[in-house]
Amino acid sequence: IVVLAALVVAAAASAHGPFSQDFVNFLEKNPERNEYALSAFKEYGTAGTFGGRSTKDSKITEQPVLFVHGNSDSALHHSDMASGWTKSVEHFKERGYSGAELYGLTYGTRDINLSLQSTITCRNLLGLRRFIEAILEYTEAEQIDIVAHSMGVTLARKAIQGGQIHLSGESCDLDESLSEKVDALVAISGANYGMCMCLMAGIAGTPACGQVGYAPGSCGHRDASLTACAEDTAECEGEADYAGVLRAVNADDEQEADFIASLWSNGKGVLTSNPSDDAILGKGNMVWGKKTSAVPAAISPTPIKRWTISRPRIRRCVISTAS
C-alpha cells in the first residue's frame, strides 16, 4: 500500500512537471539571465519545476500564476514534508487553467531538517525576479498573479518591489518595481514581522532566526520570551528591532499588487493547545502586537470569505481553496 501511494504521488507530480520543453527552449535563448530557472529544472527533477506550453501553438487564455513555496518545500510533491503545490495546481486546472498558465520552481533544500539553516539570499531574490520577468515575456501577459507561502512571501514581496537590498555579507540590486505587473498577490502564512518561535531555546541564533531570517527582536522588552512576544496585548516599548531583511522589505510602502490577500492557517498549533493557532507562527499569529502574516500594504487583512470578489478567476480559486 505504501509503495502504491508513493507511485500515485509520483504520477501526480509528473502530470504537472517539470517545465515543458517549449518553456525550456524559451529559457535557453538567454541562458545567463535564466540560469536560476534552468538550474532548478536540471537539479530538482520532475517535481522541481512546472509550467509552459505543451506545444508551441498552445494558446494562453488566462493570466499566468506563479506559485512560490516556503522554506524547505518543493514546487511539486517531493515528500510528506515537502508536498509542494501539486494540490493547488490540480485545483486551478479543474477551474479552467492550463499548464501554460501555472508556474513554479524549487529553491533551496527540500530537507525539513535543514530548514533552520535557510535565509533570504541575493541568489533567490534575483532568481525569482528573473523568473517573474521570464514568465511575463514568455506568456506575453500584461500582468501576473503570485501565490506565495511562508518564506516565499518575503522573496516574492522583495522581488516585486525591486531596488537594492543589503543582506549579510552581500548586496543586490533588483532593478525597478514590478508592482504594476502584478495583479494579485496571495500571501499565505508569511512572517512579515518575524516569528516568536525564534525566541525559543535551541532555535534562537540559528540562521533562519537571524537578521536575514525571521528574528522577532525584543521590541524594547527585557523579557524577550516567546510567551511575551506572542501576547495579544504586547506593544513595542522601544524601536522595532526584528530581522533587518524584513524591516527593509516592510519599509517600502508601495503596494506590491493591485490586490493583496494576507492569509494564515487556523490549524492546531504545536506551540500552543489553542486550535485557532498556526502550527509554526504560534499564538494568534502575533509578534509584538502585530499579525505577522498581514502584509503591511495589503488592502485588507479581513478573512477572505467576507471579501467581495470582482474580476480575476484567481480570486475565485483562492476563495474555494480557503472555504
C-alpha atoms as a PDB file:
ATOM      1  CA  ILE A   1       0.000   0.000   0.000  1.00  0.00           C
ATOM      2  CA  VAL A   2       2.852   2.392   0.863  1.00  0.00           C
ATOM      3  CA  VAL A   3       4.563   1.687  -2.469  1.00  0.00           C
ATOM      4  CA  LEU A   4       1.292   2.202  -4.337  1.00  0.00           C
ATOM      5  CA  ALA A   5       0.686   5.513  -2.570  1.00  0.00           C
ATOM      6  CA  ALA A   6       4.209   6.659  -3.469  1.00  0.00           C
ATOM      7  CA  LEU A   7       3.613   5.756  -7.104  1.00  0.00           C
ATOM      8  CA  VAL A   8       0.355   7.714  -7.130  1.00  0.00           C
ATOM      9  CA  VAL A   9       2.098  10.774  -5.687  1.00  0.00           C
ATOM     10  CA  ALA A  10       4.937  10.497  -8.211  1.00  0.00           C
ATOM     11  CA  ALA A  11       2.433  10.176 -11.051  1.00  0.00           C
ATOM     12  CA  ALA A  12       0.590  13.277  -9.849  1.00  0.00           C
ATOM     13  CA  ALA A  13       3.810  15.305  -9.820  1.00  0.00           C
ATOM     14  CA  SER A  14       4.855  14.065 -13.275  1.00  0.00           C
ATOM     15  CA  ALA A  15       1.444  15.070 -14.635  1.00  0.00           C
ATOM     16  CA  HIS A  16       2.312  18.709 -13.913  1.00  0.00           C
ATOM     17  CA  GLY A  17       6.101  18.903 -14.021  1.00  0.00           C
ATOM     18  CA  PRO A  18       8.766  19.615 -14.970  1.00  0.00           C
ATOM     19  CA  PHE A  19       8.883  22.697 -17.230  1.00  0.00           C
ATOM     20  CA  SER A  20       7.552  21.947 -20.696  1.00  0.00           C
ATOM     21  CA  GLN A  21      10.128  21.629 -23.458  1.00  0.00           C
ATOM     22  CA  ASP A  22       8.712  24.711 -25.134  1.00  0.00           C
ATOM     23  CA  PHE A  23       9.354  26.774 -21.987  1.00  0.00           C
ATOM     24  CA  VAL A  24      12.841  25.304 -21.583  1.00  0.00           C
ATOM     25  CA  ASN A  25      13.606  26.239 -25.198  1.00  0.00           C
ATOM     26  CA  PHE A  26      12.491  29.784 -24.421  1.00  0.00           C
ATOM     27  CA  LEU A  27      14.644  29.993 -21.272  1.00  0.00           C
ATOM     28  CA  GLU A  28      17.672  28.653 -23.143  1.00  0.00           C
ATOM     29  CA  LYS A  29      17.545  31.555 -25.578  1.00  0.00           C
ATOM     30  CA  ASN A  30      19.013  33.636 -22.745  1.00  0.00           C
ATOM     31  CA  PRO A  31      20.784  31.054 -20.550  1.00  0.00           C
ATOM     32  CA  GLU A  32      22.743  33.534 -18.449  1.00  0.00           C
ATOM     33  CA  ARG A  33      19.702  35.583 -17.441  1.00  0.00           C
ATOM     34  CA  ASN A  34      17.574  32.454 -16.901  1.00  0.00           C
ATOM     35  CA  GLU A  35      20.295  30.418 -15.158  1.00  0.00           C
ATOM     36  CA  TYR A  36      18.296  30.197 -11.925  1.00  0.00           C
ATOM     37  CA  ALA A  37      15.229  28.639 -13.537  1.00  0.00           C
ATOM     38  CA  LEU A  38      17.288  26.365 -15.764  1.00  0.00           C
ATOM     39  CA  SER A  39      19.318  25.193 -12.756  1.00  0.00           C
ATOM     40  CA  ALA A  40      16.115  24.277 -10.897  1.00  0.00           C
ATOM     41  CA  PHE A  41      14.918  22.365 -13.956  1.00  0.00           C
ATOM     42  CA  LYS A  42      18.161  20.354 -14.122  1.00  0.00           C
ATOM     43  CA  GLU A  43      18.727  19.871 -10.382  1.00  0.00           C
ATOM     44  CA  TYR A  44      15.361  19.035  -8.847  1.00  0.00           C
ATOM     45  CA  GLY A  45      13.801  16.580 -11.308  1.00  0.00           C
ATOM     46  CA  THR A  46      10.160  16.138 -12.242  1.00  0.00           C
ATOM     47  CA  ALA A  47       8.774  17.617  -9.023  1.00  0.00           C
ATOM     48  CA  GLY A  48      11.173  20.554  -9.095  1.00  0.00           C
ATOM     49  CA  THR A  49       9.526  22.792 -11.697  1.00  0.00           C
ATOM     50  CA  PHE A  50       6.310  23.209 -13.631  1.00  0.00           C
ATOM     51  CA  GLY A  51       4.852  25.462 -16.314  1.00  0.00           C
ATOM     52  CA  GLY A  52       4.904  26.127 -20.033  1.00  0.00           C
ATOM     53  CA  ARG A  53       3.024  25.343 -23.236  1.00  0.00           C
ATOM     54  CA  SER A  54       2.603  21.678 -24.080  1.00  0.00           C
ATOM     55  CA  THR A  55       3.167  22.602 -27.746  1.00  0.00           C
ATOM     56  CA  LYS A  56       4.454  25.734 -29.422  1.00  0.00           C
ATOM     57  CA  ASP A  57       0.939  26.528 -30.669  1.00  0.00           C
ATOM     58  CA  SER A  58      -0.844  26.065 -27.310  1.00  0.00           C
ATOM     59  CA  LYS A  59      -2.933  29.121 -26.522  1.00  0.00           C
ATOM     60  CA  ILE A  60      -2.692  31.046 -23.266  1.00  0.00           C
ATOM     61  CA  THR A  61      -6.084  32.397 -22.263  1.00  0.00           C
ATOM     62  CA  GLU A  62      -5.725  33.013 -18.512  1.00  0.00           C
ATOM     63  CA  GLN A  63      -3.425  35.413 -16.717  1.00  0.00           C
ATOM     64  CA  PRO A  64      -0.328  33.440 -15.612  1.00  0.00           C
ATOM     65  CA  VAL A  65       0.018  32.427 -11.968  1.00  0.00           C
ATOM     66  CA  LEU A  66       3.350  31.927 -10.208  1.00  0.00           C
ATOM     67  CA  PHE A  67       3.480  29.762  -7.067  1.00  0.00           C
ATOM     68  CA  VAL A  68       6.371  30.410  -4.655  1.00  0.00           C
ATOM     69  CA  HIS A  69       6.820  27.751  -1.971  1.00  0.00           C
ATOM     70  CA  GLY A  70       8.129  28.176   1.547  1.00  0.00           C
ATOM     71  CA  ASN A  71      11.224  27.113   3.453  1.00  0.00           C
ATOM     72  CA  SER A  72      12.426  23.563   2.673  1.00  0.00           C
ATOM     73  CA  ASP A  73       9.440  22.820   0.440  1.00  0.00           C
ATOM     74  CA  SER A  74       9.214  21.877  -3.228  1.00  0.00           C
ATOM     75  CA  ALA A  75       7.487  23.148  -6.360  1.00  0.00           C
ATOM     76  CA  LEU A  76       5.515  19.890  -6.569  1.00  0.00           C
ATOM     77  CA  HIS A  77       5.122  16.947  -4.184  1.00  0.00           C
ATOM     78  CA  HIS A  78       8.539  15.588  -3.256  1.00  0.00           C
ATOM     79  CA  SER A  79       7.866  14.046   0.173  1.00  0.00           C
ATOM     80  CA  ASP A  80       5.403  14.182   3.050  1.00  0.00           C
ATOM     81  CA  MET A  81       7.296  17.160   4.471  1.00  0.00           C
ATOM     82  CA  ALA A  82       7.802  18.833   1.069  1.00  0.00           C
ATOM     83  CA  SER A  83       4.381  18.451  -0.510  1.00  0.00           C
ATOM     84  CA  GLY A  84       4.630  21.451  -2.799  1.00  0.00           C
ATOM     85  CA  TRP A  85       1.854  22.958  -4.900  1.00  0.00           C
ATOM     86  CA  THR A  86       0.536  19.757  -6.518  1.00  0.00           C
ATOM     87  CA  LYS A  87      -2.938  20.008  -4.968  1.00  0.00           C
ATOM     88  CA  SER A  88      -3.144  23.717  -5.776  1.00  0.00           C
ATOM     89  CA  VAL A  89      -2.146  23.140  -9.408  1.00  0.00           C
ATOM     90  CA  GLU A  90      -4.798  20.435  -9.696  1.00  0.00           C
ATOM     91  CA  HIS A  91      -7.328  22.794  -8.123  1.00  0.00           C
ATOM     92  CA  PHE A  92      -6.582  25.551 -10.634  1.00  0.00           C
ATOM     93  CA  LYS A  93      -6.630  23.161 -13.601  1.00  0.00           C
ATOM     94  CA  GLU A  94     -10.039  21.892 -12.537  1.00  0.00           C
ATOM     95  CA  ARG A  95     -11.188  25.507 -12.825  1.00  0.00           C
ATOM     96  CA  GLY A  96     -10.001  26.140 -16.352  1.00  0.00           C
ATOM     97  CA  TYR A  97      -6.276  26.879 -16.126  1.00  0.00           C
ATOM     98  CA  SER A  98      -3.739  25.018 -18.261  1.00  0.00           C
ATOM     99  CA  GLY A  99      -0.118  24.161 -17.594  1.00  0.00           C
ATOM    100  CA  ALA A 100       0.843  27.114 -19.796  1.00  0.00           C
ATOM    101  CA  GLU A 101      -0.661  29.446 -17.204  1.00  0.00           C
ATOM    102  CA  LEU A 102       0.689  27.912 -13.949  1.00  0.00           C
ATOM    103  CA  TYR A 103       4.374  28.181 -12.971  1.00  0.00           C
ATOM    104  CA  GLY A 104       6.679  27.236 -10.138  1.00  0.00           C
ATOM    105  CA  LEU A 105      10.223  26.201  -9.330  1.00  0.00           C
ATOM    106  CA  THR A 106      12.114  24.816  -6.351  1.00  0.00           C
ATOM    107  CA  TYR A 107      14.754  26.760  -4.428  1.00  0.00           C
ATOM    108  CA  GLY A 108      16.958  25.730  -1.526  1.00  0.00           C
ATOM    109  CA  THR A 109      16.876  22.416   0.280  1.00  0.00           C
ATOM    110  CA  ARG A 110      13.858  20.109   0.380  1.00  0.00           C
ATOM    111  CA  ASP A 111      15.022  18.689   3.712  1.00  0.00           C
ATOM    112  CA  ILE A 112      12.957  19.948   6.665  1.00  0.00           C
ATOM    113  CA  ASN A 113      15.836  19.046   8.981  1.00  0.00           C
ATOM    114  CA  LEU A 114      17.878  21.831   7.388  1.00  0.00           C
ATOM    115  CA  SER A 115      15.154  24.477   7.498  1.00  0.00           C
ATOM    116  CA  LEU A 116      16.767  26.433  10.335  1.00  0.00           C
ATOM    117  CA  GLN A 117      19.814  26.989   8.124  1.00  0.00           C
ATOM    118  CA  SER A 118      17.809  28.767   5.414  1.00  0.00           C
ATOM    119  CA  THR A 119      17.934  32.552   4.968  1.00  0.00           C
ATOM    120  CA  ILE A 120      16.980  35.209   2.444  1.00  0.00           C
ATOM    121  CA  THR A 121      19.747  35.387  -0.177  1.00  0.00           C
ATOM    122  CA  CYS A 122      20.503  37.509  -3.207  1.00  0.00           C
ATOM    123  CA  ARG A 123      20.589  34.397  -5.369  1.00  0.00           C
ATOM    124  CA  ASN A 124      16.993  33.528  -4.535  1.00  0.00           C
ATOM    125  CA  LEU A 125      15.788  37.136  -4.799  1.00  0.00           C
ATOM    126  CA  LEU A 126      17.467  37.753  -8.145  1.00  0.00           C
ATOM    127  CA  GLY A 127      16.498  34.322  -9.430  1.00  0.00           C
ATOM    128  CA  LEU A 128      12.844  34.752  -8.556  1.00  0.00           C
ATOM    129  CA  ARG A 129      12.828  38.262 -10.032  1.00  0.00           C
ATOM    130  CA  ARG A 130      14.235  36.945 -13.331  1.00  0.00           C
ATOM    131  CA  PHE A 131      11.725  34.088 -13.284  1.00  0.00           C
ATOM    132  CA  ILE A 132       8.801  36.516 -12.956  1.00  0.00           C
ATOM    133  CA  GLU A 133      10.166  38.536 -15.872  1.00  0.00           C
ATOM    134  CA  ALA A 134      10.639  35.381 -17.953  1.00  0.00           C
ATOM    135  CA  ILE A 135       7.046  34.255 -17.371  1.00  0.00           C
ATOM    136  CA  LEU A 136       5.703  37.669 -18.384  1.00  0.00           C
ATOM    137  CA  GLU A 137       7.781  37.672 -21.553  1.00  0.00           C
ATOM    138  CA  TYR A 138       7.014  34.052 -22.448  1.00  0.00           C
ATOM    139  CA  THR A 139       3.249  34.382 -21.958  1.00  0.00           C
ATOM    140  CA  GLU A 140       3.122  37.935 -23.360  1.00  0.00           C
ATOM    141  CA  ALA A 141       0.851  38.787 -20.427  1.00  0.00           C
ATOM    142  CA  GLU A 142       0.432  42.336 -19.154  1.00  0.00           C
ATOM    143  CA  GLN A 143       0.212  41.137 -15.545  1.00  0.00           C
ATOM    144  CA  ILE A 144       0.888  38.080 -13.413  1.00  0.00           C
ATOM    145  CA  ASP A 145      -0.729  36.679 -10.246  1.00  0.00           C
ATOM    146  CA  ILE A 146       1.529  35.369  -7.482  1.00  0.00           C
ATOM    147  CA  VAL A 147       0.627  32.885  -4.740  1.00  0.00           C
ATOM    148  CA  ALA A 148       3.356  32.645  -2.100  1.00  0.00           C
ATOM    149  CA  HIS A 149       3.745  30.737   1.161  1.00  0.00           C
ATOM    150  CA  SER A 150       5.900  31.337   4.232  1.00  0.00           C
ATOM    151  CA  MET A 151       9.463  32.318   3.211  1.00  0.00           C
ATOM    152  CA  GLY A 152       8.128  32.596  -0.325  1.00  0.00           C
ATOM    153  CA  VAL A 153       6.102  35.631   0.781  1.00  0.00           C
ATOM    154  CA  THR A 154       9.284  37.513   1.736  1.00  0.00           C
ATOM    155  CA  LEU A 155      11.019  36.511  -1.500  1.00  0.00           C
ATOM    156  CA  ALA A 156       8.026  37.412  -3.666  1.00  0.00           C
ATOM    157  CA  ARG A 157       7.441  40.785  -1.989  1.00  0.00           C
ATOM    158  CA  LYS A 158      11.048  41.917  -2.433  1.00  0.00           C
ATOM    159  CA  ALA A 159      11.307  40.510  -5.965  1.00  0.00           C
ATOM    160  CA  ILE A 160       8.261  42.620  -6.860  1.00  0.00           C
ATOM    161  CA  GLN A 161       9.457  45.732  -5.020  1.00  0.00           C
ATOM    162  CA  GLY A 162      12.822  45.746  -6.745  1.00  0.00           C
ATOM    163  CA  GLY A 163      15.512  48.164  -5.632  1.00  0.00           C
ATOM    164  CA  GLN A 164      18.617  47.491  -3.589  1.00  0.00           C
ATOM    165  CA  ILE A 165      18.807  45.323  -0.519  1.00  0.00           C
ATOM    166  CA  HIS A 166      21.720  44.718   1.822  1.00  0.00           C
ATOM    167  CA  LEU A 167      21.985  41.277   3.351  1.00  0.00           C
ATOM    168  CA  SER A 168      24.597  39.527   5.458  1.00  0.00           C
ATOM    169  CA  GLY A 169      27.835  39.841   3.504  1.00  0.00           C
ATOM    170  CA  GLU A 170      26.141  40.652   0.186  1.00  0.00           C
ATOM    171  CA  SER A 171      24.022  43.263  -1.559  1.00  0.00           C
ATOM    172  CA  CYS A 172      21.930  43.106  -4.706  1.00  0.00           C
ATOM    173  CA  ASP A 173      20.025  45.440  -7.000  1.00  0.00           C
ATOM    174  CA  LEU A 174      16.712  44.072  -8.245  1.00  0.00           C
ATOM    175  CA  ASP A 175      16.018  46.939 -10.655  1.00  0.00           C
ATOM    176  CA  GLU A 176      12.779  48.933 -10.758  1.00  0.00           C
ATOM    177  CA  SER A 177       9.475  47.904  -9.183  1.00  0.00           C
ATOM    178  CA  LEU A 178       7.298  45.282 -10.876  1.00  0.00           C
ATOM    179  CA  SER A 179       4.201  46.185  -8.847  1.00  0.00           C
ATOM    180  CA  GLU A 180       2.325  47.403 -11.917  1.00  0.00           C
ATOM    181  CA  LYS A 181       2.900  43.980 -13.478  1.00  0.00           C
ATOM    182  CA  VAL A 182       1.369  42.089 -10.537  1.00  0.00           C
ATOM    183  CA  ASP A 183      -2.419  41.897 -10.448  1.00  0.00           C
ATOM    184  CA  ALA A 184      -2.906  39.734  -7.336  1.00  0.00           C
ATOM    185  CA  LEU A 185      -0.517  38.711  -4.565  1.00  0.00           C
ATOM    186  CA  VAL A 186      -1.834  35.974  -2.286  1.00  0.00           C
ATOM    187  CA  ALA A 187       0.449  35.847   0.764  1.00  0.00           C
ATOM    188  CA  ILE A 188      -0.130  32.671   2.792  1.00  0.00           C
ATOM    189  CA  SER A 189       1.316  32.403   6.312  1.00  0.00           C
ATOM    190  CA  GLY A 190       4.127  34.846   5.748  1.00  0.00           C
ATOM    191  CA  ALA A 191       6.228  36.066   8.667  1.00  0.00           C
ATOM    192  CA  ASN A 192       6.444  39.742   7.791  1.00  0.00           C
ATOM    193  CA  TYR A 193       7.391  40.762  11.341  1.00  0.00           C
ATOM    194  CA  GLY A 194       9.328  37.622  12.255  1.00  0.00           C
ATOM    195  CA  MET A 195       8.368  34.575  14.304  1.00  0.00           C
ATOM    196  CA  CYS A 196       8.088  34.389  18.074  1.00  0.00           C
ATOM    197  CA  MET A 197       9.265  30.788  17.971  1.00  0.00           C
ATOM    198  CA  CYS A 198      12.686  32.188  17.102  1.00  0.00           C
ATOM    199  CA  LEU A 199      12.982  33.179  20.765  1.00  0.00           C
ATOM    200  CA  MET A 200      12.850  29.530  21.874  1.00  0.00           C
ATOM    201  CA  ALA A 201      15.964  27.977  23.377  1.00  0.00           C
ATOM    202  CA  GLY A 202      17.798  25.907  20.792  1.00  0.00           C
ATOM    203  CA  ILE A 203      16.292  27.881  17.899  1.00  0.00           C
ATOM    204  CA  ALA A 204      17.341  31.438  18.727  1.00  0.00           C
ATOM    205  CA  GLY A 205      20.613  32.207  16.997  1.00  0.00           C
ATOM    206  CA  THR A 206      20.113  29.851  14.066  1.00  0.00           C
ATOM    207  CA  PRO A 207      20.466  31.429  10.585  1.00  0.00           C
ATOM    208  CA  ALA A 208      16.718  31.225   9.902  1.00  0.00           C
ATOM    209  CA  CYS A 209      16.095  33.201  13.095  1.00  0.00           C
ATOM    210  CA  GLY A 210      18.722  35.840  12.427  1.00  0.00           C
ATOM    211  CA  GLN A 211      18.853  39.214  10.676  1.00  0.00           C
ATOM    212  CA  VAL A 212      18.458  37.692   7.203  1.00  0.00           C
ATOM    213  CA  GLY A 213      15.736  35.411   8.505  1.00  0.00           C
ATOM    214  CA  TYR A 214      12.842  35.807  10.902  1.00  0.00           C
ATOM    215  CA  ALA A 215      14.145  37.178  14.206  1.00  0.00           C
ATOM    216  CA  PRO A 216      11.245  38.930  16.009  1.00  0.00           C
ATOM    217  CA  GLY A 217      13.579  41.106  18.063  1.00  0.00           C
ATOM    218  CA  SER A 218      12.814  42.251  21.596  1.00  0.00           C
ATOM    219  CA  CYS A 219      10.848  45.430  20.786  1.00  0.00           C
ATOM    220  CA  GLY A 220      12.424  47.060  23.818  1.00  0.00           C
ATOM    221  CA  HIS A 221      11.247  44.332  26.236  1.00  0.00           C
ATOM    222  CA  ARG A 222      13.646  42.974  28.811  1.00  0.00           C
ATOM    223  CA  ASP A 223      11.633  39.768  28.862  1.00  0.00           C
ATOM    224  CA  ALA A 224      12.028  38.862  25.204  1.00  0.00           C
ATOM    225  CA  SER A 225      10.435  35.446  25.586  1.00  0.00           C
ATOM    226  CA  LEU A 226       8.175  33.514  23.234  1.00  0.00           C
ATOM    227  CA  THR A 227       5.261  33.994  25.639  1.00  0.00           C
ATOM    228  CA  ALA A 228       5.723  37.752  25.898  1.00  0.00           C
ATOM    229  CA  CYS A 229       6.233  38.123  22.155  1.00  0.00           C
ATOM    230  CA  ALA A 230       3.016  36.269  21.288  1.00  0.00           C
ATOM    231  CA  GLU A 231       0.679  38.070  23.696  1.00  0.00           C
ATOM    232  CA  ASP A 232      -2.255  39.833  22.018  1.00  0.00           C
ATOM    233  CA  THR A 233      -1.716  42.892  24.194  1.00  0.00           C
ATOM    234  CA  ALA A 234       2.053  43.133  23.650  1.00  0.00           C
ATOM    235  CA  GLU A 235       3.291  46.515  22.493  1.00  0.00           C
ATOM    236  CA  CYS A 236       6.688  47.781  21.452  1.00  0.00           C
ATOM    237  CA  GLU A 237       8.453  49.566  24.287  1.00  0.00           C
ATOM    238  CA  GLY A 238      11.237  50.739  22.024  1.00  0.00           C
ATOM    239  CA  GLU A 239      12.325  50.775  18.398  1.00  0.00           C
ATOM    240  CA  ALA A 240      11.300  47.773  16.310  1.00  0.00           C
ATOM    241  CA  ASP A 241      14.349  45.536  16.028  1.00  0.00           C
ATOM    242  CA  TYR A 242      13.033  42.489  14.195  1.00  0.00           C
ATOM    243  CA  ALA A 243      15.100  40.996  11.341  1.00  0.00           C
ATOM    244  CA  GLY A 244      16.796  43.621   9.201  1.00  0.00           C
ATOM    245  CA  VAL A 245      15.761  41.979   5.949  1.00  0.00           C
ATOM    246  CA  LEU A 246      12.098  42.125   6.991  1.00  0.00           C
ATOM    247  CA  ARG A 247      12.359  45.754   8.057  1.00  0.00           C
ATOM    248  CA  ALA A 248      13.868  46.567   4.659  1.00  0.00           C
ATOM    249  CA  VAL A 249      11.018  44.838   2.839  1.00  0.00           C
ATOM    250  CA  ASN A 250       8.358  46.446   5.054  1.00  0.00           C
ATOM    251  CA  ALA A 251       9.915  49.892   4.642  1.00  0.00           C
ATOM    252  CA  ASP A 252       8.751  50.006   1.029  1.00  0.00           C
ATOM    253  CA  ASP A 253       5.265  51.470   1.352  1.00  0.00           C
ATOM    254  CA  GLU A 254       4.295  50.842  -2.275  1.00  0.00           C
ATOM    255  CA  GLN A 255       1.576  48.209  -2.607  1.00  0.00           C
ATOM    256  CA  GLU A 256       3.092  45.150  -4.284  1.00  0.00           C
ATOM    257  CA  ALA A 257      -0.009  44.306  -6.349  1.00  0.00           C
ATOM    258  CA  ASP A 258      -3.404  45.672  -7.342  1.00  0.00           C
ATOM    259  CA  PHE A 259      -4.973  43.135  -4.975  1.00  0.00           C
ATOM    260  CA  ILE A 260      -3.310  41.623  -1.909  1.00  0.00           C
ATOM    261  CA  ALA A 261      -4.707  38.825   0.240  1.00  0.00           C
ATOM    262  CA  SER A 262      -2.996  38.072   3.549  1.00  0.00           C
ATOM    263  CA  LEU A 263      -3.974  34.590   4.743  1.00  0.00           C
ATOM    264  CA  TRP A 264      -2.892  32.421   7.658  1.00  0.00           C
ATOM    265  CA  SER A 265      -3.770  28.983   8.923  1.00  0.00           C
ATOM    266  CA  ASN A 266      -6.308  28.066  11.558  1.00  0.00           C
ATOM    267  CA  GLY A 267      -4.662  24.675  12.069  1.00  0.00           C
ATOM    268  CA  LYS A 268      -3.848  23.450  15.589  1.00  0.00           C
ATOM    269  CA  GLY A 269      -0.536  24.822  16.752  1.00  0.00           C
ATOM    270  CA  VAL A 270       2.479  22.927  18.023  1.00  0.00           C
ATOM    271  CA  LEU A 271       3.431  25.812  20.308  1.00  0.00           C
ATOM    272  CA  THR A 272       0.024  26.141  21.982  1.00  0.00           C
ATOM    273  CA  SER A 273      -3.037  23.989  22.555  1.00  0.00           C
ATOM    274  CA  ASN A 274      -5.429  26.501  21.014  1.00  0.00           C
ATOM    275  CA  PRO A 275      -6.908  25.038  17.790  1.00  0.00           C
ATOM    276  CA  SER A 276      -7.026  28.532  16.256  1.00  0.00           C
ATOM    277  CA  ASP A 277      -3.243  28.950  16.457  1.00  0.00           C
ATOM    278  CA  ASP A 278      -0.909  28.407  13.500  1.00  0.00           C
ATOM    279  CA  ALA A 279       1.397  25.396  13.696  1.00  0.00           C
ATOM    280  CA  ILE A 280       4.562  27.482  13.257  1.00  0.00           C
ATOM    281  CA  LEU A 281       3.562  31.121  13.640  1.00  0.00           C
ATOM    282  CA  GLY A 282       2.074  30.472  17.036  1.00  0.00           C
ATOM    283  CA  LYS A 283      -0.420  32.138  19.312  1.00  0.00           C
ATOM    284  CA  GLY A 284      -2.892  34.282  17.387  1.00  0.00           C
ATOM    285  CA  ASN A 285      -0.333  34.901  14.603  1.00  0.00           C
ATOM    286  CA  MET A 286       1.014  37.692  16.834  1.00  0.00           C
ATOM    287  CA  VAL A 287       4.523  39.149  17.046  1.00  0.00           C
ATOM    288  CA  TRP A 288       4.859  42.031  19.499  1.00  0.00           C
ATOM    289  CA  GLY A 289       1.299  43.221  18.886  1.00  0.00           C
ATOM    290  CA  LYS A 290       1.202  42.706  15.099  1.00  0.00           C
ATOM    291  CA  LYS A 291      -0.316  39.979  12.952  1.00  0.00           C
ATOM    292  CA  THR A 292       2.890  38.734  11.386  1.00  0.00           C
ATOM    293  CA  SER A 293       1.159  37.299   8.309  1.00  0.00           C
ATOM    294  CA  ALA A 294      -0.566  40.572   7.416  1.00  0.00           C
ATOM    295  CA  VAL A 295       1.262  42.197   4.502  1.00  0.00           C
ATOM    296  CA  PRO A 296       1.651  45.869   5.555  1.00  0.00           C
ATOM    297  CA  ALA A 297       0.405  47.285   2.240  1.00  0.00           C
ATOM    298  CA  ALA A 298      -2.499  44.843   1.921  1.00  0.00           C
ATOM    299  CA  ILE A 299      -5.876  46.286   1.039  1.00  0.00           C
ATOM    300  CA  SER A 300      -7.452  44.371   3.922  1.00  0.00           C
ATOM    301  CA  PRO A 301      -6.409  41.561   6.268  1.00  0.00           C
ATOM    302  CA  THR A 302     -10.114  40.688   6.654  1.00  0.00           C
ATOM    303  CA  PRO A 303     -10.979  36.960   6.440  1.00  0.00           C
ATOM    304  CA  ILE A 304     -11.261  36.097   2.771  1.00  0.00           C
ATOM    305  CA  LYS A 305     -14.834  34.770   2.948  1.00  0.00           C
ATOM    306  CA  ARG A 306     -16.048  38.327   3.589  1.00  0.00           C
ATOM    307  CA  TRP A 307     -14.435  39.866   0.524  1.00  0.00           C
ATOM    308  CA  THR A 308     -16.447  40.977  -2.474  1.00  0.00           C
ATOM    309  CA  ILE A 309     -14.569  39.458  -5.372  1.00  0.00           C
ATOM    310  CA  SER A 310     -14.851  41.100  -8.761  1.00  0.00           C
ATOM    311  CA  ARG A 311     -12.679  40.181 -11.746  1.00  0.00           C
ATOM    312  CA  PRO A 312      -9.817  37.695 -11.689  1.00  0.00           C
ATOM    313  CA  ARG A 313     -10.503  33.978 -11.678  1.00  0.00           C
ATOM    314  CA  ILE A 314      -7.620  33.568  -9.243  1.00  0.00           C
ATOM    315  CA  ARG A 315      -9.751  35.208  -6.576  1.00  0.00           C
ATOM    316  CA  ARG A 316     -12.473  32.600  -7.098  1.00  0.00           C
ATOM    317  CA  CYS A 317      -9.861  29.847  -6.880  1.00  0.00           C
ATOM    318  CA  VAL A 318      -8.449  31.279  -3.657  1.00  0.00           C
ATOM    319  CA  ILE A 319     -11.889  31.567  -2.088  1.00  0.00           C
ATOM    320  CA  SER A 320     -12.822  27.972  -2.966  1.00  0.00           C
ATOM    321  CA  THR A 321      -9.478  26.797  -1.589  1.00  0.00           C
ATOM    322  CA  ALA A 322      -9.929  28.745   1.662  1.00  0.00           C
ATOM    323  CA  SER A 323     -13.564  27.722   2.210  1.00  0.00           C
END
